[in-house]
Protein backbone atom coordinates (compact mmCIF):
# COMPACT_ATOMS: atom_id res chain seq x y z
CA UNK A 1 0.00 0.00 0.00
CA UNK A 2 1.26 3.48 -0.87
CA UNK A 3 1.72 5.79 2.10
CA UNK A 4 -0.63 8.82 2.04
CA UNK A 5 2.23 11.34 1.89
CA UNK A 6 3.92 9.47 -0.96
CA UNK A 7 0.65 9.29 -2.89
CA UNK A 8 0.01 13.00 -2.35
CA UNK A 9 3.51 13.80 -3.67
CA UNK A 10 3.01 11.52 -6.69
CA UNK A 11 -0.43 12.94 -7.42
CA UNK A 12 0.81 16.54 -7.01
CA UNK A 13 3.63 15.88 -9.51
CA UNK A 14 1.21 14.39 -12.04
CA UNK A 15 -1.17 17.33 -11.65
CA UNK A 16 1.70 19.75 -12.32
CA UNK A 17 2.21 18.12 -15.75
CA UNK A 18 -1.28 19.08 -16.96
CA UNK A 19 -1.20 22.34 -18.95
CA UNK A 20 -3.59 24.88 -17.48
CA UNK A 21 -3.45 23.48 -13.95
CA UNK A 22 -1.08 24.74 -11.29
CA UNK A 23 -1.11 22.85 -8.00
CA UNK A 24 -0.45 25.06 -5.01
CA UNK A 25 1.21 24.09 -1.73
CA UNK A 26 -1.53 22.50 0.37
CA UNK A 27 -1.93 20.85 3.75
CA UNK A 28 -3.74 17.68 4.73
CA UNK A 29 -5.33 15.46 2.14
CA UNK A 30 -6.47 18.33 -0.08
CA UNK A 31 -4.72 20.02 -3.00
CA UNK A 32 -5.62 23.49 -4.22
CA UNK A 33 -5.33 23.94 -7.98
CA UNK A 34 -5.03 27.30 -9.70
CA UNK A 35 -7.11 27.09 -12.89
CA UNK A 36 -8.97 29.26 -15.34
CA UNK A 37 -12.77 29.13 -15.03
CA UNK A 38 -12.88 27.17 -11.75
CA UNK A 39 -16.69 26.90 -11.57
CA UNK A 40 -16.93 25.51 -15.10
CA UNK A 41 -14.07 23.07 -14.51
CA UNK A 42 -15.63 21.81 -11.25
CA UNK A 43 -19.04 21.36 -12.87
CA UNK A 44 -17.65 19.44 -15.84
CA UNK A 45 -15.40 17.14 -13.79
CA UNK A 46 -18.13 16.48 -11.21
CA UNK A 47 -20.52 15.49 -14.02
CA UNK A 48 -17.97 12.97 -15.29
CA UNK A 49 -17.04 11.46 -11.94
CA UNK A 50 -19.32 12.30 -8.99
CA UNK A 51 -20.74 15.40 -7.31
CA UNK A 52 -18.27 17.05 -4.98
CA UNK A 53 -15.08 15.51 -6.38
CA UNK A 54 -13.95 19.03 -7.30
CA UNK A 55 -15.08 21.99 -5.22
CA UNK A 56 -14.65 25.74 -5.58
CA UNK A 57 -13.46 27.18 -2.27
CA UNK A 58 -14.81 30.52 -1.15
CA UNK A 59 -12.33 33.36 -0.75
CA UNK A 60 -9.77 31.81 -3.14
CA UNK A 61 -10.13 33.32 -6.61
CA UNK A 62 -9.20 31.17 -9.61
CA UNK A 63 -8.91 27.89 -7.74
CA UNK A 64 -10.53 24.54 -7.17
CA UNK A 65 -9.92 22.01 -4.44
CA UNK A 66 -9.54 18.26 -4.77
CA UNK A 67 -8.98 15.52 -2.23
CA UNK A 68 -6.13 13.05 -2.50
CA UNK A 69 -7.51 9.51 -2.61
CA UNK A 70 -6.10 6.12 -3.54
CA UNK A 71 -3.93 5.82 -6.69
CA UNK A 72 -6.72 4.39 -8.87
CA UNK A 73 -9.20 7.15 -7.95
CA UNK A 74 -6.50 9.79 -8.40
CA UNK A 75 -5.73 8.47 -11.90
CA UNK A 76 -9.42 8.73 -12.83
CA UNK A 77 -9.44 12.33 -11.63
CA UNK A 78 -6.24 13.09 -13.57
CA UNK A 79 -7.84 11.71 -16.76
CA UNK A 80 -10.98 13.79 -16.26
CA UNK A 81 -8.98 16.96 -15.54
CA UNK A 82 -6.83 16.44 -18.66
CA UNK A 83 -9.94 16.04 -20.84
CA UNK A 84 -11.72 19.06 -19.36
CA UNK A 85 -8.80 21.51 -19.65
CA UNK A 86 -7.73 20.38 -23.13
C-alpha atoms as a PDB file:
ATOM      1  CA  UNK A   1       0.000   0.000   0.000  1.00  0.00           C
ATOM      2  CA  UNK A   2       1.262   3.483  -0.869  1.00  0.00           C
ATOM      3  CA  UNK A   3       1.721   5.794   2.097  1.00  0.00           C
ATOM      4  CA  UNK A   4      -0.631   8.816   2.041  1.00  0.00           C
ATOM      5  CA  UNK A   5       2.233  11.341   1.889  1.00  0.00           C
ATOM      6  CA  UNK A   6       3.920   9.467  -0.959  1.00  0.00           C
ATOM      7  CA  UNK A   7       0.650   9.288  -2.892  1.00  0.00           C
ATOM      8  CA  UNK A   8       0.011  12.998  -2.355  1.00  0.00           C
ATOM      9  CA  UNK A   9       3.510  13.803  -3.674  1.00  0.00           C
ATOM     10  CA  UNK A  10       3.012  11.516  -6.695  1.00  0.00           C
ATOM     11  CA  UNK A  11      -0.431  12.939  -7.424  1.00  0.00           C
ATOM     12  CA  UNK A  12       0.810  16.538  -7.009  1.00  0.00           C
ATOM     13  CA  UNK A  13       3.631  15.879  -9.509  1.00  0.00           C
ATOM     14  CA  UNK A  14       1.207  14.388 -12.041  1.00  0.00           C
ATOM     15  CA  UNK A  15      -1.168  17.332 -11.651  1.00  0.00           C
ATOM     16  CA  UNK A  16       1.701  19.753 -12.315  1.00  0.00           C
ATOM     17  CA  UNK A  17       2.208  18.125 -15.747  1.00  0.00           C
ATOM     18  CA  UNK A  18      -1.281  19.084 -16.955  1.00  0.00           C
ATOM     19  CA  UNK A  19      -1.197  22.335 -18.955  1.00  0.00           C
ATOM     20  CA  UNK A  20      -3.592  24.884 -17.480  1.00  0.00           C
ATOM     21  CA  UNK A  21      -3.448  23.483 -13.950  1.00  0.00           C
ATOM     22  CA  UNK A  22      -1.078  24.736 -11.290  1.00  0.00           C
ATOM     23  CA  UNK A  23      -1.107  22.848  -7.998  1.00  0.00           C
ATOM     24  CA  UNK A  24      -0.454  25.060  -5.008  1.00  0.00           C
ATOM     25  CA  UNK A  25       1.211  24.093  -1.726  1.00  0.00           C
ATOM     26  CA  UNK A  26      -1.532  22.497   0.365  1.00  0.00           C
ATOM     27  CA  UNK A  27      -1.929  20.851   3.746  1.00  0.00           C
ATOM     28  CA  UNK A  28      -3.736  17.682   4.726  1.00  0.00           C
ATOM     29  CA  UNK A  29      -5.330  15.456   2.141  1.00  0.00           C
ATOM     30  CA  UNK A  30      -6.471  18.326  -0.084  1.00  0.00           C
ATOM     31  CA  UNK A  31      -4.715  20.020  -2.999  1.00  0.00           C
ATOM     32  CA  UNK A  32      -5.621  23.486  -4.222  1.00  0.00           C
ATOM     33  CA  UNK A  33      -5.327  23.939  -7.984  1.00  0.00           C
ATOM     34  CA  UNK A  34      -5.033  27.305  -9.699  1.00  0.00           C
ATOM     35  CA  UNK A  35      -7.110  27.090 -12.889  1.00  0.00           C
ATOM     36  CA  UNK A  36      -8.975  29.261 -15.344  1.00  0.00           C
ATOM     37  CA  UNK A  37     -12.769  29.126 -15.032  1.00  0.00           C
ATOM     38  CA  UNK A  38     -12.884  27.169 -11.750  1.00  0.00           C
ATOM     39  CA  UNK A  39     -16.690  26.905 -11.573  1.00  0.00           C
ATOM     40  CA  UNK A  40     -16.932  25.510 -15.101  1.00  0.00           C
ATOM     41  CA  UNK A  41     -14.071  23.068 -14.509  1.00  0.00           C
ATOM     42  CA  UNK A  42     -15.628  21.812 -11.251  1.00  0.00           C
ATOM     43  CA  UNK A  43     -19.038  21.365 -12.872  1.00  0.00           C
ATOM     44  CA  UNK A  44     -17.654  19.445 -15.844  1.00  0.00           C
ATOM     45  CA  UNK A  45     -15.398  17.139 -13.789  1.00  0.00           C
ATOM     46  CA  UNK A  46     -18.128  16.478 -11.213  1.00  0.00           C
ATOM     47  CA  UNK A  47     -20.520  15.489 -14.018  1.00  0.00           C
ATOM     48  CA  UNK A  48     -17.972  12.966 -15.293  1.00  0.00           C
ATOM     49  CA  UNK A  49     -17.041  11.461 -11.936  1.00  0.00           C
ATOM     50  CA  UNK A  50     -19.317  12.299  -8.986  1.00  0.00           C
ATOM     51  CA  UNK A  51     -20.740  15.403  -7.313  1.00  0.00           C
ATOM     52  CA  UNK A  52     -18.271  17.050  -4.976  1.00  0.00           C
ATOM     53  CA  UNK A  53     -15.076  15.514  -6.380  1.00  0.00           C
ATOM     54  CA  UNK A  54     -13.950  19.028  -7.300  1.00  0.00           C
ATOM     55  CA  UNK A  55     -15.078  21.994  -5.215  1.00  0.00           C
ATOM     56  CA  UNK A  56     -14.650  25.738  -5.577  1.00  0.00           C
ATOM     57  CA  UNK A  57     -13.463  27.175  -2.266  1.00  0.00           C
ATOM     58  CA  UNK A  58     -14.807  30.521  -1.148  1.00  0.00           C
ATOM     59  CA  UNK A  59     -12.327  33.357  -0.755  1.00  0.00           C
ATOM     60  CA  UNK A  60      -9.771  31.811  -3.145  1.00  0.00           C
ATOM     61  CA  UNK A  61     -10.125  33.315  -6.611  1.00  0.00           C
ATOM     62  CA  UNK A  62      -9.201  31.173  -9.608  1.00  0.00           C
ATOM     63  CA  UNK A  63      -8.905  27.891  -7.738  1.00  0.00           C
ATOM     64  CA  UNK A  64     -10.534  24.536  -7.170  1.00  0.00           C
ATOM     65  CA  UNK A  65      -9.920  22.015  -4.438  1.00  0.00           C
ATOM     66  CA  UNK A  66      -9.543  18.258  -4.769  1.00  0.00           C
ATOM     67  CA  UNK A  67      -8.984  15.524  -2.226  1.00  0.00           C
ATOM     68  CA  UNK A  68      -6.129  13.046  -2.497  1.00  0.00           C
ATOM     69  CA  UNK A  69      -7.505   9.512  -2.609  1.00  0.00           C
ATOM     70  CA  UNK A  70      -6.102   6.119  -3.540  1.00  0.00           C
ATOM     71  CA  UNK A  71      -3.932   5.816  -6.686  1.00  0.00           C
ATOM     72  CA  UNK A  72      -6.724   4.390  -8.868  1.00  0.00           C
ATOM     73  CA  UNK A  73      -9.200   7.147  -7.950  1.00  0.00           C
ATOM     74  CA  UNK A  74      -6.500   9.787  -8.398  1.00  0.00           C
ATOM     75  CA  UNK A  75      -5.735   8.470 -11.896  1.00  0.00           C
ATOM     76  CA  UNK A  76      -9.425   8.725 -12.828  1.00  0.00           C
ATOM     77  CA  UNK A  77      -9.436  12.326 -11.628  1.00  0.00           C
ATOM     78  CA  UNK A  78      -6.243  13.088 -13.572  1.00  0.00           C
ATOM     79  CA  UNK A  79      -7.836  11.707 -16.760  1.00  0.00           C
ATOM     80  CA  UNK A  80     -10.983  13.786 -16.265  1.00  0.00           C
ATOM     81  CA  UNK A  81      -8.984  16.958 -15.538  1.00  0.00           C
ATOM     82  CA  UNK A  82      -6.830  16.444 -18.661  1.00  0.00           C
ATOM     83  CA  UNK A  83      -9.939  16.041 -20.836  1.00  0.00           C
ATOM     84  CA  UNK A  84     -11.716  19.060 -19.359  1.00  0.00           C
ATOM     85  CA  UNK A  85      -8.798  21.507 -19.646  1.00  0.00           C
ATOM     86  CA  UNK A  86      -7.727  20.376 -23.134  1.00  0.00           C
END
